[in-house]
Amino acid sequence: MEIRKDLPAIFEEFSEARRNGFIAANDFKKQNKPMIGTFCTFMPQEIPLAMGAATVSLCATSDETISEAEKELPRNLCPLIKSSYGFGKTDKCPYFYFSDMIIGETTCDGKKKMFELMGEFKPVHIMQLPNNPTTKESFAMWKNEIIQLKEVMEEQFNTKINEEDIRKAINLKNRERQALKDFYSLGKLNPPALSGEDILKVLYGSTFKFDREANINDINALTEKVKAEYAAGKKLESKPRILITGCPIGGVTEKVVKAIEENGAQVVFFENCMGAKAIEDMVDESNPDVYEALAEKYLKIGCSCMSPNLNRAKMLNKAIDAYQVDAVVDVILQACHTYAIETVNIKKFVNGEKELPYISIETDYSTSDIGQLNTRMAAFIEML
């Protein structure tokens, strides 16, 4: 990325990263390197990275293939599951097509049963995620699952993954996390330096770049450019500051961000999987046991599949203060029961302990509710 480019052009480069996926994935595969498809931030990317593989998210965010998926899956299922399965089944996703192996995880009943069907046309390994992240037994189980993942990948690709390579991968991922964290921390600036849409373009688009070192350099260069332009006086108008939490956001669900920002507010922080949830905490590089270090980091992810899910509230508490948040928008995908039920506790926390306005939005991957979203967001923001 050339630092001479204007910011809008740079943001668009990240936005285009997923759409240009076929070329990027094809070029990577020509190097005879494995590509690993993932569906969740719980999957420790350091393991495949340690053997020189690329990792890429296969969570689809479009309703394009849902009708095809519904020939086998229930209609009243989460759109993320149906869309992801549909893109895999129809080979319309270049990343799925080029993935040599799929790593799933038991974050929800719908996904783990969907992985069974997916395993009929693609090699799939499912990591058994503990339900309670706080016990010694859960920690030992998850550490063992990470070791098992290493062993499965060694067998699948006829290779050896040694601990030194895992340490190098941990360092690489930590540096990438820090670059992304430095970037989205620009949301702390008040008045804002950039829109929530632009923040999301970078967070989402960076997951589809296979050259990790280049990606780190691109993100760091972008962060410095935004800081320089902000110092020179290029700032956005002060508006109510919104934190988005809840289900994964990206693709079609960016309609929520648009509805917020087109109706007079500003998204300054994304707590979702695509945002800070998986980035905020680093892997402890000083721990002599690499598997213990990985287990500790990944069990901290505050997903609603965990019970109790104490880490989500901890992150929200910290972010609301650090980003001077005026209100919280909770985005729930239809039929995502764990996040839907957890809205009760999140609303109590935001309204009660933080004394801030809160709204829960249930949506799917269609565009049919855009008008309703705009109406609700306009009324909510006007209240602020």
Protein backbone atom coordinates (compact mmCIF):
# COMPACT_ATOMS: atom_id res chain seq x y z
CA MET A 1 0.00 0.00 0.00
CA GLU A 2 1.40 3.36 -0.96
CA ILE A 3 1.16 5.99 1.74
CA ARG A 4 0.53 8.58 -0.99
CA LYS A 5 -2.95 7.24 -1.64
CA ASP A 6 -5.95 9.10 -0.27
CA LEU A 7 -7.70 7.53 2.69
CA PRO A 8 -10.92 6.65 0.79
CA ALA A 9 -8.86 4.69 -1.76
CA ILE A 10 -7.00 2.84 0.99
CA PHE A 11 -10.22 1.91 2.79
CA GLU A 12 -11.66 0.66 -0.49
CA GLU A 13 -8.61 -1.58 -0.99
CA PHE A 14 -9.48 -3.37 2.25
CA SER A 15 -13.14 -3.50 1.23
CA GLU A 16 -12.19 -5.11 -2.09
CA ALA A 17 -9.98 -7.76 -0.45
CA ARG A 18 -12.81 -10.28 -0.06
CA ARG A 19 -14.30 -9.60 -3.50
CA ASN A 20 -10.92 -10.22 -5.11
CA GLY A 21 -10.63 -13.47 -3.20
CA PHE A 22 -10.57 -15.86 -6.15
CA ILE A 23 -7.40 -14.34 -7.58
CA ALA A 24 -5.67 -14.09 -4.19
CA ALA A 25 -6.64 -17.63 -3.20
CA ASN A 26 -5.63 -19.01 -6.59
CA ASP A 27 -2.23 -17.30 -6.42
CA PHE A 28 -1.65 -18.66 -2.92
CA LYS A 29 -2.57 -22.21 -3.93
CA LYS A 30 -0.12 -22.05 -6.85
CA GLN A 31 2.61 -21.95 -4.20
CA ASN A 32 1.51 -25.46 -3.12
CA LYS A 33 0.65 -24.28 0.36
CA PRO A 34 -2.38 -25.46 2.35
CA MET A 35 -5.40 -23.22 2.90
CA ILE A 36 -7.47 -23.77 6.05
CA GLY A 37 -11.08 -22.59 6.20
CA THR A 38 -12.39 -21.46 9.59
CA PHE A 39 -15.75 -20.44 11.00
CA CYS A 40 -14.92 -18.96 14.37
CA THR A 41 -12.43 -16.83 16.28
CA PHE A 42 -11.95 -19.67 18.79
CA MET A 43 -9.87 -21.58 16.24
CA PRO A 44 -6.17 -20.96 17.13
CA GLN A 45 -4.79 -19.74 13.81
CA GLU A 46 -1.25 -20.09 15.11
CA ILE A 47 -1.35 -23.87 14.55
CA PRO A 48 -1.95 -23.80 10.75
CA LEU A 49 0.26 -20.70 10.41
CA ALA A 50 3.09 -22.66 12.03
CA MET A 51 3.13 -25.04 9.07
CA GLY A 52 2.97 -22.26 6.47
CA ALA A 53 -0.75 -22.55 5.75
CA ALA A 54 -3.16 -19.68 5.20
CA THR A 55 -6.31 -19.31 7.27
CA VAL A 56 -9.46 -17.68 5.97
CA SER A 57 -12.93 -17.08 7.37
CA LEU A 58 -15.72 -18.95 5.61
CA CYS A 59 -18.58 -17.27 7.47
CA ALA A 60 -20.75 -16.04 4.60
CA THR A 61 -22.73 -12.82 4.99
CA SER A 62 -25.12 -12.88 2.04
CA ASP A 63 -28.52 -14.43 1.34
CA GLU A 64 -27.41 -15.42 -2.18
CA THR A 65 -27.15 -19.16 -1.41
CA ILE A 66 -29.60 -19.47 1.48
CA SER A 67 -32.36 -20.86 -0.76
CA GLU A 68 -29.99 -23.61 -1.88
CA ALA A 69 -28.99 -24.37 1.71
CA GLU A 70 -32.64 -24.58 2.78
CA LYS A 71 -33.05 -27.63 0.56
CA GLU A 72 -31.22 -29.48 3.33
CA LEU A 73 -31.22 -27.15 6.35
CA PRO A 74 -34.23 -25.86 8.34
CA ARG A 75 -35.62 -22.49 7.30
CA ASN A 76 -35.69 -21.28 10.92
CA LEU A 77 -31.91 -21.56 11.27
CA CYS A 78 -29.37 -18.78 11.75
CA PRO A 79 -28.66 -17.04 8.40
CA LEU A 80 -24.89 -17.26 8.98
CA ILE A 81 -25.08 -21.07 9.09
CA LYS A 82 -27.37 -21.35 6.08
CA SER A 83 -25.37 -18.87 4.01
CA SER A 84 -22.04 -20.48 4.89
CA TYR A 85 -23.29 -23.96 4.08
CA GLY A 86 -24.90 -22.76 0.86
CA PHE A 87 -21.71 -21.14 -0.39
CA GLY A 88 -19.75 -24.29 0.41
CA LYS A 89 -22.27 -26.62 -1.18
CA THR A 90 -22.52 -24.60 -4.40
CA ASP A 91 -18.78 -23.78 -4.65
CA LYS A 92 -19.65 -20.09 -5.03
CA CYS A 93 -17.11 -19.15 -2.37
CA PRO A 94 -13.53 -19.20 -3.72
CA TYR A 95 -12.15 -19.57 -0.21
CA PHE A 96 -14.21 -22.69 0.44
CA TYR A 97 -13.29 -24.05 -2.97
CA PHE A 98 -9.57 -23.65 -2.32
CA SER A 99 -9.64 -24.74 1.33
CA ASP A 100 -7.90 -28.07 1.83
CA MET A 101 -9.46 -28.55 5.24
CA ILE A 102 -12.23 -26.99 7.33
CA ILE A 103 -11.84 -26.41 11.07
CA GLY A 104 -15.17 -26.20 12.86
CA GLU A 105 -16.01 -25.79 16.52
CA THR A 106 -18.98 -26.52 18.76
CA THR A 107 -20.00 -22.92 19.46
CA CYS A 108 -23.64 -23.71 18.70
CA ASP A 109 -25.81 -26.75 17.99
CA GLY A 110 -26.71 -25.52 14.51
CA LYS A 111 -23.10 -25.18 13.39
CA LYS A 112 -21.91 -28.49 14.78
CA LYS A 113 -24.70 -30.36 13.00
CA MET A 114 -24.06 -28.37 9.81
CA PHE A 115 -20.41 -29.44 9.98
CA GLU A 116 -21.54 -33.07 9.85
CA LEU A 117 -23.22 -32.41 6.50
CA MET A 118 -20.27 -30.36 5.27
CA GLY A 119 -17.96 -33.24 6.08
CA GLU A 120 -19.60 -35.23 3.28
CA PHE A 121 -17.92 -33.05 0.62
CA LYS A 122 -14.93 -31.50 2.42
CA PRO A 123 -12.42 -32.68 5.05
CA VAL A 124 -13.70 -31.26 8.36
CA HIS A 125 -12.17 -31.36 11.83
CA ILE A 126 -14.37 -30.20 14.71
CA MET A 127 -12.85 -28.77 17.89
CA GLN A 128 -14.89 -29.55 21.01
CA LEU A 129 -15.24 -26.25 22.84
CA PRO A 130 -15.99 -26.34 26.60
CA ASN A 131 -19.14 -24.56 27.72
CA ASN A 132 -17.70 -23.06 30.90
CA PRO A 133 -14.45 -21.07 30.43
CA THR A 134 -13.71 -20.69 34.14
CA THR A 135 -12.90 -24.22 35.36
CA LYS A 136 -9.59 -26.11 35.40
CA GLU A 137 -11.29 -28.99 33.61
CA SER A 138 -12.40 -26.72 30.76
CA PHE A 139 -8.92 -25.29 30.41
CA ALA A 140 -7.34 -28.75 30.30
CA MET A 141 -9.92 -29.87 27.74
CA TRP A 142 -9.31 -26.88 25.46
CA LYS A 143 -5.53 -27.22 25.70
CA ASN A 144 -5.91 -30.86 24.68
CA GLU A 145 -8.15 -29.86 21.76
CA ILE A 146 -5.42 -27.52 20.50
CA ILE A 147 -2.81 -30.28 20.74
CA GLN A 148 -5.19 -32.63 18.93
CA LEU A 149 -5.68 -30.02 16.18
CA LYS A 150 -1.91 -29.94 15.68
CA GLU A 151 -1.77 -33.72 15.44
CA VAL A 152 -4.70 -33.89 13.01
CA MET A 153 -3.10 -31.29 10.75
CA GLU A 154 0.25 -33.09 10.88
CA GLU A 155 -1.45 -36.28 9.72
CA GLN A 156 -3.65 -34.57 7.12
CA PHE A 157 -0.75 -32.74 5.47
CA ASN A 158 2.04 -35.23 6.20
CA THR A 159 4.16 -32.66 8.03
CA LYS A 160 5.58 -31.88 11.46
CA ILE A 161 4.61 -28.79 13.43
CA ASN A 162 7.29 -28.03 16.02
CA GLU A 163 7.00 -25.69 18.99
CA GLU A 164 9.53 -23.22 17.63
CA ASP A 165 7.37 -22.68 14.55
CA ILE A 166 4.32 -22.26 16.79
CA ARG A 167 6.21 -19.59 18.78
CA LYS A 168 7.00 -17.75 15.55
CA ALA A 169 3.34 -17.96 14.53
CA ILE A 170 2.28 -16.64 17.94
CA ASN A 171 4.59 -13.66 17.51
CA LEU A 172 3.26 -13.02 14.00
CA LYS A 173 -0.39 -13.15 15.10
CA ASN A 174 0.33 -10.96 18.12
CA ARG A 175 1.91 -8.33 15.89
CA GLU A 176 -1.07 -8.49 13.56
CA ARG A 177 -3.47 -8.17 16.51
CA GLN A 178 -1.52 -5.18 17.81
CA ALA A 179 -1.64 -3.50 14.40
CA LEU A 180 -5.41 -3.98 14.22
CA LYS A 181 -5.82 -2.86 17.82
CA ASP A 182 -3.81 0.30 17.16
CA PHE A 183 -6.02 0.95 14.15
CA TYR A 184 -9.43 0.48 15.73
CA SER A 185 -8.22 2.40 18.80
CA LEU A 186 -8.41 5.46 16.56
CA GLY A 187 -12.08 5.26 17.46
CA LYS A 188 -11.15 6.77 20.82
CA LEU A 189 -10.48 10.12 19.13
CA ASN A 190 -13.18 12.69 19.81
CA PRO A 191 -14.28 14.20 17.48
CA PRO A 192 -13.87 11.07 15.32
CA ALA A 193 -11.10 10.56 12.80
CA LEU A 194 -12.95 8.05 10.62
CA SER A 195 -16.37 6.48 10.20
CA GLY A 196 -17.50 3.17 11.60
CA GLU A 197 -17.96 1.95 8.03
CA ASP A 198 -14.28 2.58 7.31
CA ILE A 199 -13.20 0.89 10.55
CA LEU A 200 -15.24 -2.17 9.59
CA LYS A 201 -13.82 -2.24 6.05
CA VAL A 202 -10.32 -2.64 7.47
CA LEU A 203 -11.25 -5.14 10.20
CA TYR A 204 -13.25 -7.29 7.78
CA GLY A 205 -11.00 -6.90 4.75
CA SER A 206 -7.78 -7.68 6.61
CA THR A 207 -8.99 -11.25 7.25
CA PHE A 208 -8.78 -11.96 3.51
CA LYS A 209 -5.12 -11.02 3.03
CA PHE A 210 -2.75 -13.99 3.03
CA ASP A 211 0.59 -12.17 3.34
CA ARG A 212 0.55 -11.47 7.06
CA GLU A 213 3.67 -9.32 7.14
CA ALA A 214 2.38 -7.15 4.30
CA ASN A 215 -0.98 -6.91 6.04
CA ILE A 216 0.66 -5.71 9.25
CA ASN A 217 2.65 -3.09 7.33
CA ASP A 218 -0.47 -1.92 5.47
CA ILE A 219 -2.49 -1.53 8.66
CA ASN A 220 0.32 0.28 10.49
CA ALA A 221 0.82 2.65 7.54
CA LEU A 222 -2.92 3.36 7.43
CA THR A 223 -3.01 4.09 11.17
CA GLU A 224 -0.13 6.55 10.88
CA LYS A 225 -1.76 8.26 7.91
CA VAL A 226 -5.04 8.72 9.77
CA LYS A 227 -3.16 10.12 12.78
CA ALA A 228 -1.23 12.54 10.58
CA GLU A 229 -4.34 13.82 8.82
CA TYR A 230 -6.17 14.13 12.14
CA ALA A 231 -3.29 16.17 13.58
CA ALA A 232 -3.49 18.37 10.48
CA GLY A 233 -7.14 19.11 11.26
CA LYS A 234 -9.00 16.50 9.21
CA LYS A 235 -11.75 15.47 11.62
CA LEU A 236 -15.33 14.33 11.38
CA GLU A 237 -18.30 16.10 12.91
CA SER A 238 -19.02 15.32 16.56
CA LYS A 239 -22.06 13.03 16.85
CA PRO A 240 -23.45 10.56 19.39
CA ARG A 241 -20.90 7.76 19.79
CA ILE A 242 -22.17 4.21 19.34
CA LEU A 243 -20.71 0.85 20.38
CA ILE A 244 -21.90 -2.20 18.42
CA THR A 245 -21.98 -5.58 20.16
CA GLY A 246 -23.60 -8.96 19.50
CA CYS A 247 -23.41 -11.37 16.56
CA PRO A 248 -20.73 -11.27 13.84
CA ILE A 249 -21.16 -8.24 11.59
CA GLY A 250 -20.00 -7.72 8.02
CA GLY A 251 -21.30 -8.04 4.49
CA VAL A 252 -25.06 -7.49 4.40
CA THR A 253 -25.20 -6.73 8.12
CA GLU A 254 -23.22 -3.58 7.46
CA LYS A 255 -26.72 -2.20 6.81
CA VAL A 256 -26.92 -1.69 10.58
CA VAL A 257 -23.80 0.50 10.55
CA LYS A 258 -25.18 2.47 7.60
CA ALA A 259 -28.51 2.97 9.38
CA ILE A 260 -26.70 4.32 12.44
CA GLU A 261 -24.35 6.64 10.58
CA GLU A 262 -26.89 7.87 8.02
CA ASN A 263 -29.24 8.88 10.83
CA GLY A 264 -26.91 11.11 12.80
CA ALA A 265 -24.60 8.97 14.95
CA GLN A 266 -21.09 7.52 14.74
CA VAL A 267 -19.93 3.94 15.36
CA VAL A 268 -16.65 4.13 17.28
CA PHE A 269 -16.18 0.54 18.49
CA PHE A 270 -17.08 -2.99 17.36
CA GLU A 271 -17.12 -5.57 20.15
CA ASN A 272 -18.30 -8.33 17.77
CA CYS A 273 -16.22 -11.29 16.51
CA MET A 274 -15.14 -9.22 13.52
CA GLY A 275 -13.99 -6.51 15.92
CA ALA A 276 -12.22 -6.44 19.27
CA LYS A 277 -13.56 -9.69 20.74
CA ALA A 278 -10.76 -11.81 19.26
CA ILE A 279 -8.11 -9.09 18.94
CA GLU A 280 -7.97 -7.29 22.27
CA ASP A 281 -6.03 -9.98 24.19
CA MET A 282 -2.63 -11.27 23.09
CA VAL A 283 -1.07 -14.71 23.50
CA ASP A 284 1.46 -14.71 26.34
CA GLU A 285 4.79 -15.19 24.53
CA SER A 286 6.65 -15.62 27.82
CA ASN A 287 4.78 -18.82 28.69
CA PRO A 288 7.12 -21.79 28.08
CA ASP A 289 4.09 -24.00 27.30
CA VAL A 290 2.82 -22.80 23.90
CA TYR A 291 -0.37 -24.87 24.11
CA GLU A 292 -1.17 -23.48 27.54
CA ALA A 293 -0.59 -19.94 26.26
CA LEU A 294 -2.91 -20.52 23.30
CA ALA A 295 -5.60 -22.11 25.45
CA GLU A 296 -5.49 -19.20 27.88
CA LYS A 297 -5.85 -16.57 25.15
CA TYR A 298 -8.64 -18.23 23.19
CA LEU A 299 -10.76 -19.16 26.23
CA LYS A 300 -10.91 -15.44 27.09
CA ILE A 301 -13.11 -14.73 24.05
CA GLY A 302 -16.40 -13.41 25.42
CA CYS A 303 -18.78 -15.36 23.17
CA SER A 304 -22.39 -15.96 24.17
CA CYS A 305 -21.81 -19.71 23.75
CA MET A 306 -19.96 -19.55 27.08
CA SER A 307 -21.81 -19.91 30.37
CA PRO A 308 -21.08 -17.88 32.35
CA ASN A 309 -19.95 -15.31 29.78
CA LEU A 310 -18.26 -12.85 32.10
CA ASN A 311 -15.62 -11.65 29.64
CA ARG A 312 -18.15 -9.96 27.33
CA ALA A 313 -19.29 -7.58 30.07
CA LYS A 314 -15.66 -6.93 31.06
CA MET A 315 -14.79 -5.86 27.53
CA LEU A 316 -17.93 -3.75 27.19
CA ASN A 317 -17.24 -2.03 30.51
CA LYS A 318 -13.69 -1.15 29.45
CA ALA A 319 -14.62 -0.06 25.92
CA ILE A 320 -17.61 2.09 26.93
CA ASP A 321 -15.31 4.22 29.08
CA ALA A 322 -12.27 4.26 26.78
CA TYR A 323 -14.27 5.17 23.66
CA GLN A 324 -16.58 7.68 25.41
CA VAL A 325 -19.64 5.75 24.24
CA ASP A 326 -23.07 7.39 24.36
CA ALA A 327 -25.18 4.30 23.55
CA VAL A 328 -24.96 0.58 22.75
CA VAL A 329 -26.53 -1.24 19.79
CA ASP A 330 -26.80 -5.02 20.15
CA VAL A 331 -27.06 -6.82 16.78
CA ILE A 332 -28.72 -10.24 16.87
CA LEU A 333 -29.03 -12.58 13.90
CA GLN A 334 -32.38 -14.34 13.67
CA ALA A 335 -32.41 -17.73 15.45
CA CYS A 336 -29.12 -17.04 17.27
CA HIS A 337 -30.52 -18.15 20.61
CA THR A 338 -27.49 -17.60 22.85
CA TYR A 339 -27.00 -13.96 21.82
CA ALA A 340 -30.77 -13.35 21.82
CA ILE A 341 -31.12 -14.62 25.40
CA GLU A 342 -27.99 -12.77 26.53
CA THR A 343 -29.55 -9.43 25.52
CA VAL A 344 -31.35 -9.45 28.89
CA ASN A 345 -28.09 -9.30 30.86
CA ILE A 346 -26.39 -6.92 28.43
CA LYS A 347 -29.32 -4.50 28.62
CA LYS A 348 -29.24 -4.65 32.44
CA PHE A 349 -25.50 -3.97 32.39
CA VAL A 350 -25.66 -1.07 29.91
CA ASN A 351 -28.82 0.57 31.31
CA GLY A 352 -28.03 -0.11 34.94
CA GLU A 353 -24.32 -0.18 35.68
CA LYS A 354 -23.24 2.13 32.81
CA GLU A 355 -26.46 4.22 32.77
CA LEU A 356 -26.52 4.40 28.97
CA PRO A 357 -29.22 3.88 26.33
CA TYR A 358 -29.38 0.40 24.78
CA ILE A 359 -31.22 -1.08 21.82
CA SER A 360 -31.35 -4.62 20.46
CA ILE A 361 -31.70 -5.16 16.69
CA GLU A 362 -32.73 -8.53 15.25
CA THR A 363 -31.89 -8.93 11.58
CA ASP A 364 -30.91 -11.38 8.84
CA TYR A 365 -29.02 -11.30 5.53
CA SER A 366 -31.83 -9.83 3.46
CA THR A 367 -32.30 -6.15 2.63
CA SER A 368 -36.03 -6.19 3.37
CA ASP A 369 -35.67 -4.58 6.80
CA ILE A 370 -33.51 -1.61 5.77
CA GLY A 371 -36.46 0.78 6.01
CA GLN A 372 -37.38 -0.49 9.46
CA LEU A 373 -33.74 -0.27 10.57
CA ASN A 374 -33.55 3.35 9.48
CA THR A 375 -36.78 4.19 11.28
CA ARG A 376 -35.65 2.55 14.53
CA MET A 377 -32.16 4.03 14.42
CA ALA A 378 -33.47 7.51 13.64
CA ALA A 379 -35.79 7.37 16.65
CA PHE A 380 -33.09 5.91 18.91
CA ILE A 381 -30.48 8.48 17.89
CA GLU A 382 -32.95 11.35 18.20
CA MET A 383 -33.49 10.25 21.79
CA LEU A 384 -29.76 10.61 22.41
